Amino acid sequence: MLCGSCAGLLRSLRTLQLRAPGSLPAWSSARLPTLPVWAAASVSAASPGGWYEALAASAPVHAAEEMLLSAQETTGLPWWGNILLSTVVLRGAVTLPLAAYQHYILAKVENLQPEIKDIAKRLNQEVAVCARQFGWSKRVARLTYLKNIRRLVSELYVRDNCHPFKATVLVWVQLPMWIFALQKIGKSRFQMYVTNFVRAVSVLMVPVAATVPSALVLYWLCSSLMGLSQNLLLRSPGFRQLCRIPPSRSDSETPYRDLSAAFCAKFLSRKR
């Protein structure tokens, strides 16, 4: 939705720039939004028929365009202020509640882990006994264990209404989702690969960001700052209690102090 808002803004700016003076829309008689120089230069440099044309023709982008134009007409802010305001409002009204719901689901799933481990242990013992009694092979015993453990874990998720797939709702609404570093979890080889991949993508995005329109860069910056603030807010014990997120063993009573200590230990200690 937020990416669609930015694309809608670029499309509307391009439309305003190319429209003939005698064919202005009806709302322009009241007050024509001032087209900033940096936006006009960025939009005019884009060639027609590119990837943004297909994106701008979609229904969500049309809705976002109308929303941005209405917001600009109502507030009278310049376009850069309109981008900042729209990003903050959409982030706070859409992604923040979804992120809180995501943490709610993940906390309930985490609290189920001791029960799941206990069920897995007892089921493993029962399958071993049945394998000896009925002469099952290792393959049959393993398939029986996997089939029953999936069924029992699924019943637990249904009982507590916390299927992990519900935690992905934020991914489908806002892409890319900001993944905040988890504490007290050792780095596996896969996590190291992911970290290196993200670093490589960050470097490659520098020349990409240098060629996109300035309005899109402004949106990226504002959205990133809002995402960081959102993740910090969701670590607050008071805010988590306000959102009725159940406490879990990974929660900390002093999350910001822990983050500061981890930052100093990782970066500042290397310089000494």
C-alpha atoms as a PDB file:
ATOM      1  CA  MET A   1       0.000   0.000   0.000  1.00  0.00           C
ATOM      2  CA  LEU A   2       2.799   2.413   0.888  1.00  0.00           C
ATOM      3  CA  CYS A   3       4.757   1.575  -2.264  1.00  0.00           C
ATOM      4  CA  GLY A   4       1.552   2.100  -4.218  1.00  0.00           C
ATOM      5  CA  SER A   5       1.135   5.508  -2.589  1.00  0.00           C
ATOM      6  CA  CYS A   6       4.564   6.599  -3.769  1.00  0.00           C
ATOM      7  CA  ALA A   7       3.998   5.247  -7.273  1.00  0.00           C
ATOM      8  CA  GLY A   8       0.651   7.018  -7.363  1.00  0.00           C
ATOM      9  CA  LEU A   9       2.347  10.276  -6.433  1.00  0.00           C
ATOM     10  CA  LEU A  10       4.880   9.901  -9.246  1.00  0.00           C
ATOM     11  CA  ARG A  11       2.109   9.130 -11.722  1.00  0.00           C
ATOM     12  CA  SER A  12       0.062  12.122 -10.618  1.00  0.00           C
ATOM     13  CA  LEU A  13       3.077  14.428 -10.862  1.00  0.00           C
ATOM     14  CA  ARG A  14       3.789  13.158 -14.368  1.00  0.00           C
ATOM     15  CA  THR A  15       0.162  13.730 -15.343  1.00  0.00           C
ATOM     16  CA  LEU A  16       0.236  17.286 -14.002  1.00  0.00           C
ATOM     17  CA  GLN A  17       3.447  18.021 -15.862  1.00  0.00           C
ATOM     18  CA  LEU A  18       2.298  16.730 -19.255  1.00  0.00           C
ATOM     19  CA  ARG A  19      -1.288  18.007 -19.135  1.00  0.00           C
ATOM     20  CA  ALA A  20      -2.022  20.862 -21.510  1.00  0.00           C
ATOM     21  CA  PRO A  21      -2.745  24.273 -19.900  1.00  0.00           C
ATOM     22  CA  GLY A  22      -6.279  24.321 -21.257  1.00  0.00           C
ATOM     23  CA  SER A  23      -7.249  20.855 -20.049  1.00  0.00           C
ATOM     24  CA  LEU A  24      -6.743  21.146 -16.295  1.00  0.00           C
ATOM     25  CA  PRO A  25      -9.054  19.089 -14.044  1.00  0.00           C
ATOM     26  CA  ALA A  26     -11.991  20.657 -12.236  1.00  0.00           C
ATOM     27  CA  TRP A  27     -10.293  20.763  -8.836  1.00  0.00           C
ATOM     28  CA  SER A  28      -7.446  22.857 -10.267  1.00  0.00           C
ATOM     29  CA  SER A  29      -9.733  25.909 -10.470  1.00  0.00           C
ATOM     30  CA  ALA A  30      -9.634  26.162  -6.701  1.00  0.00           C
ATOM     31  CA  ARG A  31      -5.916  25.724  -6.208  1.00  0.00           C
ATOM     32  CA  LEU A  32      -3.417  23.960  -8.470  1.00  0.00           C
ATOM     33  CA  PRO A  33      -0.890  21.897  -6.459  1.00  0.00           C
ATOM     34  CA  THR A  34       2.561  23.322  -6.886  1.00  0.00           C
ATOM     35  CA  LEU A  35       4.767  20.845  -8.714  1.00  0.00           C
ATOM     36  CA  PRO A  36       8.257  20.928  -7.174  1.00  0.00           C
ATOM     37  CA  VAL A  37      11.211  21.279  -9.483  1.00  0.00           C
ATOM     38  CA  TRP A  38      12.930  18.150  -8.175  1.00  0.00           C
ATOM     39  CA  ALA A  39       9.794  16.068  -8.810  1.00  0.00           C
ATOM     40  CA  ALA A  40       9.295  17.415 -12.323  1.00  0.00           C
ATOM     41  CA  ALA A  41      12.892  16.739 -13.258  1.00  0.00           C
ATOM     42  CA  SER A  42      12.751  13.231 -11.877  1.00  0.00           C
ATOM     43  CA  VAL A  43       9.485  12.345 -13.595  1.00  0.00           C
ATOM     44  CA  SER A  44      10.390  13.859 -16.953  1.00  0.00           C
ATOM     45  CA  ALA A  45      13.601  11.842 -16.995  1.00  0.00           C
ATOM     46  CA  ALA A  46      11.668   8.569 -16.869  1.00  0.00           C
ATOM     47  CA  SER A  47      10.999   6.956 -20.218  1.00  0.00           C
ATOM     48  CA  PRO A  48       7.470   5.784 -21.079  1.00  0.00           C
ATOM     49  CA  GLY A  49       6.671   2.112 -21.179  1.00  0.00           C
ATOM     50  CA  GLY A  50       8.905   1.231 -18.225  1.00  0.00           C
ATOM     51  CA  TRP A  51       8.137  -0.833 -15.166  1.00  0.00           C
ATOM     52  CA  TYR A  52       6.445   2.118 -13.460  1.00  0.00           C
ATOM     53  CA  GLU A  53       3.850   2.359 -16.245  1.00  0.00           C
ATOM     54  CA  ALA A  54       2.465  -1.104 -15.472  1.00  0.00           C
ATOM     55  CA  LEU A  55       2.523  -0.333 -11.764  1.00  0.00           C
ATOM     56  CA  ALA A  56       0.854   3.051 -12.233  1.00  0.00           C
ATOM     57  CA  ALA A  57      -1.997   1.480 -14.229  1.00  0.00           C
ATOM     58  CA  SER A  58      -3.059  -0.793 -11.351  1.00  0.00           C
ATOM     59  CA  ALA A  59      -6.158  -0.106  -9.258  1.00  0.00           C
ATOM     60  CA  PRO A  60      -4.325   0.275  -5.891  1.00  0.00           C
ATOM     61  CA  VAL A  61      -2.070   2.931  -7.390  1.00  0.00           C
ATOM     62  CA  HIS A  62      -5.053   4.848  -8.763  1.00  0.00           C
ATOM     63  CA  ALA A  63      -6.616   4.806  -5.293  1.00  0.00           C
ATOM     64  CA  ALA A  64      -3.332   5.913  -3.726  1.00  0.00           C
ATOM     65  CA  GLU A  65      -3.032   8.700  -6.303  1.00  0.00           C
ATOM     66  CA  GLU A  66      -6.465  10.053  -5.458  1.00  0.00           C
ATOM     67  CA  MET A  67      -5.650   9.846  -1.766  1.00  0.00           C
ATOM     68  CA  LEU A  68      -2.393  11.772  -2.196  1.00  0.00           C
ATOM     69  CA  LEU A  69      -4.030  14.449  -4.325  1.00  0.00           C
ATOM     70  CA  SER A  70      -6.868  14.826  -1.821  1.00  0.00           C
ATOM     71  CA  ALA A  71      -4.395  15.055   1.054  1.00  0.00           C
ATOM     72  CA  GLN A  72      -2.357  17.681  -0.770  1.00  0.00           C
ATOM     73  CA  GLU A  73      -5.484  19.707  -1.535  1.00  0.00           C
ATOM     74  CA  THR A  74      -6.736  19.454   2.048  1.00  0.00           C
ATOM     75  CA  THR A  75      -3.506  20.228   3.877  1.00  0.00           C
ATOM     76  CA  GLY A  76      -1.907  22.578   1.364  1.00  0.00           C
ATOM     77  CA  LEU A  77       1.489  21.097   2.147  1.00  0.00           C
ATOM     78  CA  PRO A  78       4.236  20.876  -0.480  1.00  0.00           C
ATOM     79  CA  TRP A  79       4.718  17.509  -2.097  1.00  0.00           C
ATOM     80  CA  TRP A  80       7.633  16.536   0.117  1.00  0.00           C
ATOM     81  CA  GLY A  81       5.534  17.294   3.193  1.00  0.00           C
ATOM     82  CA  ASN A  82       2.640  15.344   1.725  1.00  0.00           C
ATOM     83  CA  ILE A  83       4.892  12.299   1.214  1.00  0.00           C
ATOM     84  CA  LEU A  84       6.146  12.474   4.803  1.00  0.00           C
ATOM     85  CA  LEU A  85       2.657  12.910   6.239  1.00  0.00           C
ATOM     86  CA  SER A  86       1.114  10.126   4.151  1.00  0.00           C
ATOM     87  CA  THR A  87       3.908   7.702   5.033  1.00  0.00           C
ATOM     88  CA  VAL A  88       3.611   8.407   8.758  1.00  0.00           C
ATOM     89  CA  VAL A  89      -0.185   8.103   8.730  1.00  0.00           C
ATOM     90  CA  LEU A  90      -0.247   4.876   6.704  1.00  0.00           C
ATOM     91  CA  ARG A  91       2.551   3.336   8.728  1.00  0.00           C
ATOM     92  CA  GLY A  92       0.801   4.162  11.977  1.00  0.00           C
ATOM     93  CA  ALA A  93      -2.696   3.182  10.841  1.00  0.00           C
ATOM     94  CA  VAL A  94      -1.884   0.024   8.846  1.00  0.00           C
ATOM     95  CA  THR A  95       1.463  -1.594   9.576  1.00  0.00           C
ATOM     96  CA  LEU A  96       1.699  -0.815  13.299  1.00  0.00           C
ATOM     97  CA  PRO A  97      -1.513  -2.701  14.232  1.00  0.00           C
ATOM     98  CA  LEU A  98      -0.508  -5.584  11.951  1.00  0.00           C
ATOM     99  CA  ALA A  99       2.963  -5.694  13.487  1.00  0.00           C
ATOM    100  CA  ALA A 100       1.418  -5.774  16.979  1.00  0.00           C
ATOM    101  CA  TYR A 101      -0.818  -8.657  15.869  1.00  0.00           C
ATOM    102  CA  GLN A 102       2.230 -10.428  14.464  1.00  0.00           C
ATOM    103  CA  HIS A 103       4.037 -10.147  17.803  1.00  0.00           C
ATOM    104  CA  TYR A 104       0.875 -11.379  19.536  1.00  0.00           C
ATOM    105  CA  ILE A 105       0.816 -14.545  17.420  1.00  0.00           C
ATOM    106  CA  LEU A 106       4.565 -15.151  17.732  1.00  0.00           C
ATOM    107  CA  ALA A 107       4.424 -14.768  21.522  1.00  0.00           C
ATOM    108  CA  LYS A 108       1.654 -17.375  21.770  1.00  0.00           C
ATOM    109  CA  VAL A 109       3.594 -19.733  19.492  1.00  0.00           C
ATOM    110  CA  GLU A 110       6.708 -19.284  21.635  1.00  0.00           C
ATOM    111  CA  ASN A 111       4.747 -20.052  24.793  1.00  0.00           C
ATOM    112  CA  LEU A 112       3.593 -23.316  23.207  1.00  0.00           C
ATOM    113  CA  GLN A 113       7.142 -24.572  22.625  1.00  0.00           C
ATOM    114  CA  PRO A 114       7.575 -26.283  26.048  1.00  0.00           C
ATOM    115  CA  GLU A 115       4.287 -28.134  25.556  1.00  0.00           C
ATOM    116  CA  ILE A 116       5.277 -29.111  22.014  1.00  0.00           C
ATOM    117  CA  LYS A 117       8.621 -30.455  23.229  1.00  0.00           C
ATOM    118  CA  ASP A 118       6.893 -32.509  25.913  1.00  0.00           C
ATOM    119  CA  ILE A 119       4.418 -33.936  23.383  1.00  0.00           C
ATOM    120  CA  ALA A 120       7.232 -34.736  20.948  1.00  0.00           C
ATOM    121  CA  LYS A 121       9.182 -36.551  23.665  1.00  0.00           C
ATOM    122  CA  ARG A 122       6.208 -38.695  24.752  1.00  0.00           C
ATOM    123  CA  LEU A 123       5.232 -39.405  21.143  1.00  0.00           C
ATOM    124  CA  ASN A 124       8.764 -40.513  20.330  1.00  0.00           C
ATOM    125  CA  GLN A 125       8.641 -42.993  23.195  1.00  0.00           C
ATOM    126  CA  GLU A 126       5.246 -44.329  22.111  1.00  0.00           C
ATOM    127  CA  VAL A 127       6.386 -44.770  18.503  1.00  0.00           C
ATOM    128  CA  ALA A 128       9.495 -46.618  19.702  1.00  0.00           C
ATOM    129  CA  VAL A 129       7.339 -49.005  21.741  1.00  0.00           C
ATOM    130  CA  CYS A 130       4.981 -49.625  18.807  1.00  0.00           C
ATOM    131  CA  ALA A 131       7.923 -50.152  16.465  1.00  0.00           C
ATOM    132  CA  ARG A 132       9.242 -52.947  18.692  1.00  0.00           C
ATOM    133  CA  GLN A 133       5.816 -54.540  19.142  1.00  0.00           C
ATOM    134  CA  PHE A 134       4.764 -54.493  15.482  1.00  0.00           C
ATOM    135  CA  GLY A 135       8.182 -54.817  13.886  1.00  0.00           C
ATOM    136  CA  TRP A 136       8.137 -51.459  12.075  1.00  0.00           C
ATOM    137  CA  SER A 137      11.130 -50.413  10.060  1.00  0.00           C
ATOM    138  CA  LYS A 138      12.930 -47.158  10.849  1.00  0.00           C
ATOM    139  CA  ARG A 139      11.295 -45.512   7.847  1.00  0.00           C
ATOM    140  CA  VAL A 140       7.765 -46.513   8.915  1.00  0.00           C
ATOM    141  CA  ALA A 141       8.431 -45.409  12.483  1.00  0.00           C
ATOM    142  CA  ARG A 142       9.789 -42.064  11.320  1.00  0.00           C
ATOM    143  CA  LEU A 143       6.839 -41.405   8.985  1.00  0.00           C
ATOM    144  CA  THR A 144       4.390 -42.344  11.751  1.00  0.00           C
ATOM    145  CA  TYR A 145       6.103 -39.970  14.159  1.00  0.00           C
ATOM    146  CA  LEU A 146       6.136 -37.058  11.686  1.00  0.00           C
ATOM    147  CA  LYS A 147       2.484 -37.571  10.725  1.00  0.00           C
ATOM    148  CA  ASN A 148       1.275 -37.611  14.315  1.00  0.00           C
ATOM    149  CA  ILE A 149       3.488 -34.757  15.546  1.00  0.00           C
ATOM    150  CA  ARG A 150       2.186 -32.511  12.758  1.00  0.00           C
ATOM    151  CA  ARG A 151      -1.377 -33.390  13.696  1.00  0.00           C
ATOM    152  CA  LEU A 152      -0.858 -32.784  17.407  1.00  0.00           C
ATOM    153  CA  VAL A 153       0.968 -29.471  16.880  1.00  0.00           C
ATOM    154  CA  SER A 154      -1.761 -28.322  14.488  1.00  0.00           C
ATOM    155  CA  GLU A 155      -4.360 -29.112  17.161  1.00  0.00           C
ATOM    156  CA  LEU A 156      -2.437 -26.956  19.630  1.00  0.00           C
ATOM    157  CA  TYR A 157      -2.381 -24.061  17.155  1.00  0.00           C
ATOM    158  CA  VAL A 158      -6.125 -24.400  16.629  1.00  0.00           C
ATOM    159  CA  ARG A 159      -6.732 -24.593  20.364  1.00  0.00           C
ATOM    160  CA  ASP A 160      -4.848 -21.351  21.050  1.00  0.00           C
ATOM    161  CA  ASN A 161      -5.783 -19.732  17.704  1.00  0.00           C
ATOM    162  CA  CYS A 162      -2.170 -18.921  16.893  1.00  0.00           C
ATOM    163  CA  HIS A 163      -1.204 -20.607  13.639  1.00  0.00           C
ATOM    164  CA  PRO A 164       2.234 -19.258  12.607  1.00  0.00           C
ATOM    165  CA  PHE A 165       0.930 -18.424   9.122  1.00  0.00           C
ATOM    166  CA  LYS A 166      -1.132 -15.639  10.687  1.00  0.00           C
ATOM    167  CA  ALA A 167       2.112 -13.942  11.648  1.00  0.00           C
ATOM    168  CA  THR A 168       2.919 -13.434   7.956  1.00  0.00           C
ATOM    169  CA  VAL A 169       0.008 -11.059   7.405  1.00  0.00           C
ATOM    170  CA  LEU A 170       2.387  -8.090   7.609  1.00  0.00           C
ATOM    171  CA  VAL A 171       4.489  -9.546   4.798  1.00  0.00           C
ATOM    172  CA  TRP A 172       1.545  -9.489   2.407  1.00  0.00           C
ATOM    173  CA  VAL A 173       0.569  -5.932   3.351  1.00  0.00           C
ATOM    174  CA  GLN A 174       3.952  -4.254   3.540  1.00  0.00           C
ATOM    175  CA  LEU A 175       6.950  -5.482   1.580  1.00  0.00           C
ATOM    176  CA  PRO A 176       9.746  -5.682   2.420  1.00  0.00           C
ATOM    177  CA  MET A 177       9.080  -6.394   6.060  1.00  0.00           C
ATOM    178  CA  TRP A 178      11.742  -5.040   8.412  1.00  0.00           C
ATOM    179  CA  ILE A 179      13.284  -7.996  10.256  1.00  0.00           C
ATOM    180  CA  PHE A 180      14.555  -6.935  13.645  1.00  0.00           C
ATOM    181  CA  ALA A 181      17.563  -8.795  15.068  1.00  0.00           C
ATOM    182  CA  LEU A 182      16.551 -11.414  17.645  1.00  0.00           C
ATOM    183  CA  GLN A 183      18.541 -11.581  20.847  1.00  0.00           C
ATOM    184  CA  LYS A 184      19.871 -14.681  22.600  1.00  0.00           C
ATOM    185  CA  ILE A 185      19.749 -16.800  19.427  1.00  0.00           C
ATOM    186  CA  GLY A 186      22.996 -18.241  18.131  1.00  0.00           C
ATOM    187  CA  LYS A 187      23.906 -17.666  14.510  1.00  0.00           C
ATOM    188  CA  SER A 188      23.407 -20.687  12.312  1.00  0.00           C
ATOM    189  CA  ARG A 189      25.030 -21.097   8.924  1.00  0.00           C
ATOM    190  CA  PHE A 190      21.759 -20.127   7.232  1.00  0.00           C
ATOM    191  CA  GLN A 191      21.501 -16.935   9.315  1.00  0.00           C
ATOM    192  CA  MET A 192      25.056 -16.021   8.337  1.00  0.00           C
ATOM    193  CA  TYR A 193      24.176 -16.511   4.668  1.00  0.00           C
ATOM    194  CA  VAL A 194      21.120 -14.302   5.078  1.00  0.00           C
ATOM    195  CA  THR A 195      23.189 -11.609   6.805  1.00  0.00           C
ATOM    196  CA  ASN A 196      25.778 -11.590   4.024  1.00  0.00           C
ATOM    197  CA  PHE A 197      23.036 -11.509   1.393  1.00  0.00           C
ATOM    198  CA  VAL A 198      21.353  -8.504   3.012  1.00  0.00           C
ATOM    199  CA  ARG A 199      24.680  -6.686   3.185  1.00  0.00           C
ATOM    200  CA  ALA A 200      25.315  -7.329  -0.498  1.00  0.00           C
ATOM    201  CA  VAL A 201      21.836  -6.105  -1.424  1.00  0.00           C
ATOM    202  CA  SER A 202      22.387  -2.946   0.656  1.00  0.00           C
ATOM    203  CA  VAL A 203      25.526  -2.153  -1.334  1.00  0.00           C
ATOM    204  CA  LEU A 204      23.818  -2.846  -4.665  1.00  0.00           C
ATOM    205  CA  MET A 205      20.915  -0.566  -3.714  1.00  0.00           C
ATOM    206  CA  VAL A 206      23.205   2.480  -3.587  1.00  0.00           C
ATOM    207  CA  PRO A 207      23.466   2.937  -7.407  1.00  0.00           C
ATOM    208  CA  VAL A 208      19.773   2.021  -7.736  1.00  0.00           C
ATOM    209  CA  ALA A 209      18.789   4.709  -5.241  1.00  0.00           C
ATOM    210  CA  ALA A 210      20.900   7.228  -7.158  1.00  0.00           C
ATOM    211  CA  THR A 211      18.810   6.757 -10.315  1.00  0.00           C
ATOM    212  CA  VAL A 212      15.259   6.649  -8.928  1.00  0.00           C
ATOM    213  CA  PRO A 213      13.143   9.806  -8.545  1.00  0.00           C
ATOM    214  CA  SER A 214      13.824  11.958  -5.494  1.00  0.00           C
ATOM    215  CA  ALA A 215      10.273  11.456  -4.199  1.00  0.00           C
ATOM    216  CA  LEU A 216      10.853   7.704  -3.990  1.00  0.00           C
ATOM    217  CA  VAL A 217      14.115   8.176  -2.092  1.00  0.00           C
ATOM    218  CA  LEU A 218      12.318  10.474   0.347  1.00  0.00           C
ATOM    219  CA  TYR A 219       9.629   7.833   0.848  1.00  0.00           C
ATOM    220  CA  TRP A 220      12.258   5.133   1.441  1.00  0.00           C
ATOM    221  CA  LEU A 221      13.996   7.261   4.050  1.00  0.00           C
ATOM    222  CA  CYS A 222      10.794   8.150   5.883  1.00  0.00           C
ATOM    223  CA  SER A 223       9.493   4.574   5.728  1.00  0.00           C
ATOM    224  CA  SER A 224      12.781   3.211   7.073  1.00  0.00           C
ATOM    225  CA  LEU A 225      12.759   5.608  10.023  1.00  0.00           C
ATOM    226  CA  MET A 226       9.133   4.741  10.756  1.00  0.00           C
ATOM    227  CA  GLY A 227       9.928   1.027  10.565  1.00  0.00           C
ATOM    228  CA  LEU A 228      12.801   1.430  13.024  1.00  0.00           C
ATOM    229  CA  SER A 229      10.622   3.449  15.418  1.00  0.00           C
ATOM    230  CA  GLN A 230       7.859   0.857  15.111  1.00  0.00           C
ATOM    231  CA  ASN A 231      10.174  -2.019  16.037  1.00  0.00           C
ATOM    232  CA  LEU A 232      11.586  -0.100  18.981  1.00  0.00           C
ATOM    233  CA  LEU A 233       8.068   0.676  20.198  1.00  0.00           C
ATOM    234  CA  LEU A 234       7.059  -2.982  19.976  1.00  0.00           C
ATOM    235  CA  ARG A 235       9.894  -3.838  22.377  1.00  0.00           C
ATOM    236  CA  SER A 236       8.408  -1.637  25.093  1.00  0.00           C
ATOM    237  CA  PRO A 237       6.846  -3.758  27.877  1.00  0.00           C
ATOM    238  CA  GLY A 238       4.186  -1.108  28.457  1.00  0.00           C
ATOM    239  CA  PHE A 239       3.164  -0.985  24.800  1.00  0.00           C
ATOM    240  CA  ARG A 240       3.123  -4.780  24.567  1.00  0.00           C
ATOM    241  CA  GLN A 241       0.861  -4.912  27.605  1.00  0.00           C
ATOM    242  CA  LEU A 242      -1.376  -2.266  26.037  1.00  0.00           C
ATOM    243  CA  CYS A 243      -1.671  -4.419  22.903  1.00  0.00           C
ATOM    244  CA  ARG A 244      -2.390  -7.483  25.079  1.00  0.00           C
ATOM    245  CA  ILE A 245       0.650  -9.334  23.774  1.00  0.00           C
ATOM    246  CA  PRO A 246       1.223 -12.253  26.155  1.00  0.00           C
ATOM    247  CA  PRO A 247       4.584 -12.246  27.945  1.00  0.00           C
ATOM    248  CA  SER A 248       7.154 -14.802  26.828  1.00  0.00           C
ATOM    249  CA  ARG A 249      10.520 -16.009  28.036  1.00  0.00           C
ATOM    250  CA  SER A 250      12.370 -13.988  25.399  1.00  0.00           C
ATOM    251  CA  ASP A 251      10.910 -10.708  26.670  1.00  0.00           C
ATOM    252  CA  SER A 252      13.127  -8.311  28.585  1.00  0.00           C
ATOM    253  CA  GLU A 253      12.172  -5.836  31.280  1.00  0.00           C
ATOM    254  CA  THR A 254      14.871  -3.452  30.028  1.00  0.00           C
ATOM    255  CA  PRO A 255      14.827  -3.896  26.233  1.00  0.00           C
ATOM    256  CA  TYR A 256      16.400  -0.564  25.335  1.00  0.00           C
ATOM    257  CA  ARG A 257      19.221  -1.000  27.820  1.00  0.00           C
ATOM    258  CA  ASP A 258      19.867  -4.461  26.386  1.00  0.00           C
ATOM    259  CA  LEU A 259      19.937  -3.064  22.842  1.00  0.00           C
ATOM    260  CA  SER A 260      22.378  -0.353  23.875  1.00  0.00           C
ATOM    261  CA  ALA A 261      24.635  -2.885  25.593  1.00  0.00           C
ATOM    262  CA  ALA A 262      24.537  -5.201  22.582  1.00  0.00           C
ATOM    263  CA  PHE A 263      25.359  -2.305  20.235  1.00  0.00           C
ATOM    264  CA  CYS A 264      28.310  -1.208  22.347  1.00  0.00           C
ATOM    265  CA  ALA A 265      29.596  -4.766  22.663  1.00  0.00           C
ATOM    266  CA  LYS A 266      29.389  -5.386  18.931  1.00  0.00           C
ATOM    267  CA  PHE A 267      30.681  -2.130  17.477  1.00  0.00           C
ATOM    268  CA  LEU A 268      32.382   0.035  20.108  1.00  0.00           C
ATOM    269  CA  SER A 269      34.396  -2.765  21.716  1.00  0.00           C
ATOM    270  CA  ARG A 270      36.080  -3.535  18.380  1.00  0.00           C
ATOM    271  CA  LYS A 271      37.561  -0.045  18.185  1.00  0.00           C
ATOM    272  CA  ARG A 272      39.295  -0.323  21.518  1.00  0.00           C
END
